[in-house]
Protein backbone atom coordinates (compact mmCIF):
# COMPACT_ATOMS: atom_id res chain seq x y z
CA UNK A 1 10.41 -48.82 -64.01
CA UNK A 2 12.37 -46.25 -66.43
CA UNK A 3 14.20 -47.47 -69.68
CA UNK A 4 16.36 -46.16 -71.90
CA UNK A 5 16.28 -46.63 -75.50
CA UNK A 6 18.51 -45.52 -78.55
CA UNK A 7 17.30 -45.88 -82.16
CA UNK A 8 17.94 -44.53 -85.68
CA UNK A 9 15.27 -43.50 -88.04
CA UNK A 10 15.67 -43.05 -91.71
CA UNK A 11 13.12 -40.43 -92.57
CA UNK A 12 13.73 -39.56 -96.26
CA UNK A 13 10.47 -38.74 -97.26
CA UNK A 14 9.37 -36.83 -100.41
CA UNK A 15 5.84 -36.27 -100.55
CA UNK A 16 5.51 -34.92 -104.30
CA UNK A 17 4.67 -31.41 -102.99
CA UNK A 18 8.07 -30.15 -102.44
CA UNK A 19 8.22 -31.37 -98.71
CA UNK A 20 10.91 -33.44 -98.37
CA UNK A 21 12.24 -34.40 -94.98
CA UNK A 22 16.12 -33.55 -94.64
CA UNK A 23 16.63 -36.01 -91.86
CA UNK A 24 18.03 -38.83 -93.86
CA UNK A 25 19.54 -40.33 -90.65
CA UNK A 26 18.09 -39.30 -87.07
CA UNK A 27 19.29 -40.82 -84.34
CA UNK A 28 18.17 -40.05 -80.92
CA UNK A 29 18.40 -41.74 -77.32
CA UNK A 30 15.18 -41.55 -75.14
CA UNK A 31 14.39 -42.00 -71.32
CA UNK A 32 10.99 -43.85 -70.75
CA UNK A 33 9.11 -44.09 -67.27
CA UNK A 34 6.20 -46.07 -66.80
CA UNK A 35 3.81 -44.09 -64.84
CA UNK A 36 0.97 -46.63 -64.88
CA UNK A 37 0.29 -49.76 -66.75
CA UNK A 38 -1.01 -47.92 -69.89
CA UNK A 39 1.00 -44.89 -69.27
CA UNK A 40 4.57 -43.86 -70.08
CA UNK A 41 6.42 -41.03 -70.04
CA UNK A 42 9.58 -40.39 -72.23
CA UNK A 43 11.85 -37.57 -73.03
CA UNK A 44 15.06 -37.11 -75.23
CA UNK A 45 18.48 -37.75 -73.97
CA UNK A 46 21.73 -35.96 -74.51
CA UNK A 47 23.78 -38.64 -72.87
CA UNK A 48 23.66 -41.21 -70.25
CA UNK A 49 25.91 -39.75 -67.24
CA UNK A 50 26.02 -42.89 -64.91
CA UNK A 51 23.77 -46.05 -64.74
CA UNK A 52 24.22 -48.54 -62.02
CA UNK A 53 23.00 -50.31 -58.92
CA UNK A 54 24.12 -49.27 -55.28
CA UNK A 55 23.62 -51.51 -52.36
CA UNK A 56 19.95 -50.26 -51.95
CA UNK A 57 18.92 -48.74 -55.04
CA UNK A 58 18.92 -48.60 -59.07
CA UNK A 59 20.18 -45.48 -59.98
CA UNK A 60 20.78 -43.49 -63.01
CA UNK A 61 22.17 -39.75 -63.71
CA UNK A 62 20.85 -38.47 -67.14
CA UNK A 63 21.36 -35.50 -69.24
CA UNK A 64 18.30 -34.93 -70.73
CA UNK A 65 17.29 -32.37 -73.65
CA UNK A 66 13.97 -30.90 -72.21
CA UNK A 67 14.98 -31.13 -68.13
CA UNK A 68 18.82 -30.91 -68.01
CA UNK A 69 20.37 -33.37 -65.70
CA UNK A 70 18.02 -35.74 -63.91
CA UNK A 71 18.22 -38.23 -61.02
CA UNK A 72 16.47 -41.63 -61.55
CA UNK A 73 16.20 -43.99 -58.63
CA UNK A 74 14.40 -47.47 -59.09
CA UNK A 75 13.08 -46.39 -62.34
CA UNK A 76 11.55 -43.27 -60.91
CA UNK A 77 12.58 -39.54 -61.86
CA UNK A 78 13.48 -37.91 -58.50
CA UNK A 79 14.78 -34.45 -59.64
CA UNK A 80 15.78 -32.66 -62.74
CA UNK A 81 17.94 -29.71 -62.94
CA UNK A 82 15.24 -27.26 -64.73
CA UNK A 83 12.34 -27.54 -62.45
CA UNK A 84 13.73 -28.90 -59.15
CA UNK A 85 13.23 -25.50 -57.56
CA UNK A 86 9.78 -26.00 -57.68
CA UNK A 87 9.96 -29.38 -55.50
CA UNK A 88 12.47 -28.23 -53.01
CA UNK A 89 11.31 -24.62 -52.43
CA UNK A 90 7.92 -26.18 -51.84
CA UNK A 91 9.26 -28.95 -49.35
CA UNK A 92 11.65 -26.91 -47.23
CA UNK A 93 10.20 -23.06 -46.81
CA UNK A 94 6.59 -23.87 -45.83
CA UNK A 95 7.72 -25.50 -42.45
CA UNK A 96 10.42 -23.14 -41.79
CA UNK A 97 8.46 -19.74 -42.27
CA UNK A 98 5.63 -21.42 -40.13
CA UNK A 99 8.09 -22.03 -37.38
CA UNK A 100 8.59 -19.37 -35.21
CA UNK A 101 12.54 -19.52 -35.04
CA UNK A 102 13.87 -22.48 -36.80
CA UNK A 103 17.41 -23.31 -35.97
CA UNK A 104 17.91 -27.24 -36.18
CA UNK A 105 16.54 -29.34 -39.02
CA UNK A 106 17.04 -33.09 -39.75
CA UNK A 107 16.83 -34.28 -43.43
CA UNK A 108 15.54 -37.96 -43.95
CA UNK A 109 17.27 -38.68 -47.02
CA UNK A 110 17.93 -35.65 -49.41
CA UNK A 111 20.76 -37.29 -50.92
CA UNK A 112 21.23 -34.75 -53.59
CA UNK A 113 21.65 -31.95 -51.40
CA UNK A 114 19.15 -29.56 -52.95
CA UNK A 115 16.99 -29.65 -49.45
CA UNK A 116 20.19 -28.80 -47.81
CA UNK A 117 20.74 -26.07 -50.35
CA UNK A 118 17.20 -24.13 -49.32
CA UNK A 119 17.58 -24.70 -45.57
CA UNK A 120 20.97 -23.08 -45.50
CA UNK A 121 19.38 -19.88 -47.19
CA UNK A 122 17.59 -19.39 -43.93
CA UNK A 123 19.65 -16.86 -41.75
CA UNK A 124 18.42 -18.49 -38.63
CA UNK A 125 19.47 -21.93 -39.11
CA UNK A 126 22.34 -23.30 -37.09
CA UNK A 127 22.64 -26.73 -37.87
CA UNK A 128 21.25 -29.23 -40.93
CA UNK A 129 21.78 -32.85 -40.26
CA UNK A 130 21.23 -34.76 -43.56
CA UNK A 131 20.81 -38.29 -42.89
CA UNK A 132 20.75 -40.56 -46.18
CA UNK A 133 21.39 -44.17 -46.48
CA UNK A 134 22.87 -44.49 -49.60
CA UNK A 135 26.62 -42.96 -49.86
CA UNK A 136 26.83 -43.49 -53.40
CA UNK A 137 23.86 -41.60 -54.53
CA UNK A 138 25.41 -38.73 -52.31
CA UNK A 139 28.70 -38.97 -53.94
CA UNK A 140 27.11 -39.18 -57.54
CA UNK A 141 25.11 -35.90 -56.61
CA UNK A 142 28.45 -34.13 -55.21
CA UNK A 143 30.31 -34.84 -58.40
CA UNK A 144 27.70 -34.05 -61.05
CA UNK A 145 25.24 -31.41 -59.77
CA UNK A 146 27.43 -28.46 -59.24
CA UNK A 147 24.48 -26.22 -57.88
CA UNK A 148 25.08 -27.67 -54.57
CA UNK A 149 28.62 -27.64 -54.28
CA UNK A 150 28.24 -24.75 -51.59
CA UNK A 151 25.78 -26.62 -49.71
CA UNK A 152 27.57 -29.65 -49.01
CA UNK A 153 30.46 -27.61 -48.23
CA UNK A 154 28.65 -25.12 -45.57
CA UNK A 155 29.65 -25.80 -42.09
CA UNK A 156 26.32 -25.94 -40.76
CA UNK A 157 25.44 -29.14 -42.75
CA UNK A 158 26.27 -32.28 -40.91
CA UNK A 159 25.92 -35.35 -43.36
CA UNK A 160 25.40 -39.11 -42.15
CA UNK A 161 25.36 -41.95 -44.12
CA UNK A 162 22.64 -44.21 -41.97
CA UNK A 163 18.85 -45.41 -41.80
CA UNK A 164 17.21 -42.25 -40.80
CA UNK A 165 14.92 -44.26 -38.59
CA UNK A 166 17.98 -45.64 -36.40
CA UNK A 167 19.70 -42.29 -36.48
CA UNK A 168 16.78 -40.35 -35.28
CA UNK A 169 16.14 -42.94 -32.58
CA UNK A 170 19.95 -43.31 -31.23
CA UNK A 171 20.22 -39.74 -31.13
CA UNK A 172 19.09 -37.77 -28.07
CA UNK A 173 18.78 -34.42 -30.16
CA UNK A 174 15.80 -32.82 -30.98
CA UNK A 175 14.85 -30.70 -34.09
CA UNK A 176 12.65 -27.68 -35.00
CA UNK A 177 12.06 -29.08 -38.12
CA UNK A 178 12.18 -32.74 -39.44
CA UNK A 179 11.91 -33.18 -43.45
CA UNK A 180 10.82 -36.18 -44.97
CA UNK A 181 12.88 -35.91 -48.65
CA UNK A 182 12.64 -39.53 -49.18
CA UNK A 183 12.14 -41.91 -52.38
CA UNK A 184 8.83 -42.77 -53.01
CA UNK A 185 7.14 -45.61 -51.37
CA UNK A 186 7.35 -48.12 -53.85
CA UNK A 187 7.03 -52.15 -53.47
CA UNK A 188 10.62 -53.44 -52.83
CA UNK A 189 12.27 -49.77 -52.29
CA UNK A 190 14.11 -48.89 -49.11
CA UNK A 191 11.50 -46.26 -47.94
CA UNK A 192 8.06 -47.08 -47.67
CA UNK A 193 8.69 -47.79 -43.59
CA UNK A 194 9.14 -44.10 -43.33
CA UNK A 195 5.54 -43.35 -43.93
CA UNK A 196 3.99 -45.51 -41.51
CA UNK A 197 1.72 -44.39 -38.45
CA UNK A 198 4.33 -46.06 -36.15
CA UNK A 199 7.28 -44.22 -37.44
CA UNK A 200 5.75 -41.02 -37.49
CA UNK A 201 4.15 -41.52 -33.74
CA UNK A 202 7.17 -43.46 -32.14
CA UNK A 203 10.29 -41.88 -34.00
CA UNK A 204 9.40 -38.54 -35.56
CA UNK A 205 7.27 -36.68 -33.11
CA UNK A 206 9.30 -37.14 -29.77
CA UNK A 207 12.03 -35.84 -31.83
CA UNK A 208 10.47 -32.53 -32.36
CA UNK A 209 11.29 -29.60 -30.25
CA UNK A 210 8.22 -27.36 -28.74
CA UNK A 211 6.63 -25.83 -31.87
CA UNK A 212 8.27 -28.29 -34.02
CA UNK A 213 6.84 -29.11 -37.65
CA UNK A 214 7.52 -32.45 -39.70
CA UNK A 215 7.02 -32.32 -43.64
CA UNK A 216 6.92 -35.00 -45.88
CA UNK A 217 6.72 -35.34 -49.79
CA UNK A 218 3.83 -37.51 -50.15
CA UNK A 219 3.92 -38.31 -53.77
CA UNK A 220 1.53 -37.77 -56.66
CA UNK A 221 -1.44 -35.58 -56.03
CA UNK A 222 -3.17 -35.21 -59.25
CA UNK A 223 -6.87 -35.72 -59.52
CA UNK A 224 -6.30 -39.32 -60.52
CA UNK A 225 -3.08 -40.21 -58.73
CA UNK A 226 -3.57 -38.67 -55.14
CA UNK A 227 -5.30 -41.98 -54.11
CA UNK A 228 -1.96 -44.01 -54.57
CA UNK A 229 0.01 -42.64 -51.64
CA UNK A 230 -1.03 -38.92 -51.01
CA UNK A 231 -4.18 -39.35 -49.21
CA UNK A 232 -3.37 -41.97 -47.03
CA UNK A 233 -0.21 -40.22 -45.89
CA UNK A 234 -2.02 -37.50 -45.30
CA UNK A 235 -4.71 -39.43 -43.39
CA UNK A 236 -1.95 -41.26 -41.18
CA UNK A 237 -0.36 -37.84 -40.18
CA UNK A 238 -3.57 -36.76 -39.13
CA UNK A 239 -3.93 -39.78 -36.60
CA UNK A 240 -0.34 -38.31 -34.80
CA UNK A 241 -0.56 -34.52 -34.96
CA UNK A 242 -3.27 -32.03 -34.19
CA UNK A 243 -2.63 -29.76 -37.47
CA UNK A 244 -1.95 -31.28 -40.90
CA UNK A 245 -1.84 -29.14 -44.04
CA UNK A 246 -1.74 -30.69 -47.43
CA UNK A 247 -0.55 -28.81 -50.32
CA UNK A 248 0.72 -29.62 -53.97
CA UNK A 249 2.30 -28.13 -56.98
CA UNK A 250 2.84 -29.09 -60.64
CA UNK A 251 6.23 -30.37 -61.46
CA UNK A 252 6.93 -30.53 -65.26
CA UNK A 253 9.44 -33.35 -65.25
CA UNK A 254 7.37 -35.64 -62.98
CA UNK A 255 4.23 -35.14 -65.38
CA UNK A 256 2.03 -34.61 -62.79
CA UNK A 257 1.10 -32.47 -59.64
CA UNK A 258 3.30 -33.63 -56.62
CA UNK A 259 2.18 -33.62 -52.84
CA UNK A 260 3.53 -32.54 -49.59
CA UNK A 261 2.20 -32.94 -46.34
CA UNK A 262 2.93 -30.36 -43.24
CA UNK A 263 1.92 -31.65 -39.78
CA UNK A 264 2.23 -30.46 -36.00
CA UNK A 265 0.91 -30.10 -32.81
CA UNK A 266 0.98 -26.32 -32.87
CA UNK A 267 -1.10 -24.21 -35.44
CA UNK A 268 0.12 -23.92 -38.85
CA UNK A 269 -1.45 -20.73 -40.32
CA UNK A 270 -0.09 -17.52 -41.47
CA UNK A 271 -1.48 -15.01 -44.35
CA UNK A 272 0.24 -14.66 -47.45
CA UNK A 273 1.20 -11.27 -46.50
CA UNK A 274 2.90 -12.57 -43.19
CA UNK A 275 4.71 -15.33 -45.23
CA UNK A 276 6.20 -12.85 -47.64
CA UNK A 277 7.30 -10.71 -44.74
CA UNK A 278 9.05 -13.51 -43.14
CA UNK A 279 10.73 -14.65 -46.56
CA UNK A 280 11.66 -11.37 -46.56
CA UNK A 281 13.23 -11.22 -43.20
CA UNK A 282 14.54 -14.66 -43.08
CA UNK A 283 16.04 -16.23 -46.32
CA UNK A 284 19.10 -15.24 -48.28
CA UNK A 285 18.16 -14.41 -51.90
CA UNK A 286 14.83 -14.36 -53.26
CA UNK A 287 12.35 -17.80 -54.14
CA UNK A 288 11.88 -18.66 -57.93
CA UNK A 289 8.70 -20.44 -57.22
CA UNK A 290 7.33 -19.91 -53.66
CA UNK A 291 5.96 -16.56 -52.19
CA UNK A 292 3.04 -16.39 -49.57
CA UNK A 293 0.10 -16.33 -52.55
CA UNK A 294 1.49 -19.31 -53.96
CA UNK A 295 1.65 -21.40 -50.98
CA UNK A 296 -2.19 -20.33 -50.19
CA UNK A 297 -2.73 -21.53 -53.85
CA UNK A 298 -0.90 -24.74 -53.34
CA UNK A 299 -2.81 -25.61 -49.97
CA UNK A 300 -6.23 -24.99 -51.72
CA UNK A 301 -6.82 -28.42 -53.14
CA UNK A 302 -9.14 -29.35 -56.00
CA UNK A 303 -12.58 -30.39 -54.91
CA UNK A 304 -12.18 -33.63 -56.12
CA UNK A 305 -8.72 -34.14 -54.11
CA UNK A 306 -10.49 -32.56 -51.15
CA UNK A 307 -13.50 -35.15 -51.10
CA UNK A 308 -10.91 -38.03 -51.56
CA UNK A 309 -8.85 -36.66 -48.56
CA UNK A 310 -11.84 -36.11 -46.56
CA UNK A 311 -13.10 -39.51 -47.05
CA UNK A 312 -9.95 -41.35 -46.64
CA UNK A 313 -9.92 -44.21 -43.83
CA UNK A 314 -6.52 -45.79 -44.88
CA UNK A 315 -4.12 -46.02 -42.29
CA UNK A 316 -0.39 -46.47 -43.57
CA UNK A 317 1.25 -49.22 -41.65
CA UNK A 318 3.88 -51.91 -42.80
CA UNK A 319 1.52 -54.51 -43.06
CA UNK A 320 -1.18 -52.40 -44.91
CA UNK A 321 1.32 -49.96 -47.17
CA UNK A 322 0.22 -48.78 -50.12
CA UNK A 323 2.67 -47.95 -53.13
CA UNK A 324 2.98 -45.84 -56.32
CA UNK A 325 3.24 -47.75 -59.53
CA UNK A 326 6.44 -49.19 -60.13
CA UNK A 327 8.93 -51.52 -57.98
CA UNK A 328 12.27 -51.46 -56.34
CA UNK A 329 15.22 -53.80 -56.58
CA UNK A 330 14.35 -55.62 -53.42
CA UNK A 331 17.71 -54.61 -51.72
CA UNK A 332 16.06 -52.65 -48.78
CA UNK A 333 17.41 -52.68 -45.35
CA UNK A 334 16.44 -54.26 -42.19
CA UNK A 335 14.89 -51.10 -40.73
């Protein structure tokens, strides 16, 4: 869980060598996140913009010194202003670029609006449905994250407040791309049911059009952290889709490598030059992080991670769920 601490340290040290510390009174507030039982990650804060609990999750909006504004849900940093472009470009552009002509997209989660922002840069996209269960999170992000104001106002965006599974099941619509921009699967959190084989097989796959592609964020993917959920999400999707592509990138504010998994029943294979050409033809503006070579590098995993993925046998189900370290507030909905 994430904690905020404020302290004042009187550091009036004179060491006899003419090197005195002039900071007689140094006050600072810090955000601290417990990544593992014996590992914590902390950084200094300018201010606390909001802290509270919604119907489903604990939420904090922080103004941090190293990473700008940051959204924290259930004690886990979800997105930081200074480097969120790495996460969202990696989540959005690979599936849309590998699709021959993406027009309709469904976002599971994505309440902060950054995923919609990246999707709406694609010239072919005619409709984006963003379905987030937590209206308070969406409203907080509308108020504080000015970078996404245009996305929320775009007429192509349809915002729905609902459980993504229920919404997909009741809609008759099918989509070219479905994106899982969900909170991490943590015990007691509201989202872990949306990483299961049953959900992928019975809800997601039937809602993809011919040539459709699914992508999900898949948790930490570092040399030591990828066995928490990344490897079993990959293996679970392999049970459902014919072609599955795992990839990863370093996110500084997460203090780790992060993973995504893309899946389809149609081949997912473009060269760096083909990806670059599609970016030039299809996307308004220029990416800050992702290009063809970057994606090829991202999908070339380390030897240790590749071996784990090859050897993984666990299939993610509601009865055999895996979680990243941490715990939600237990207020999850009845799915």
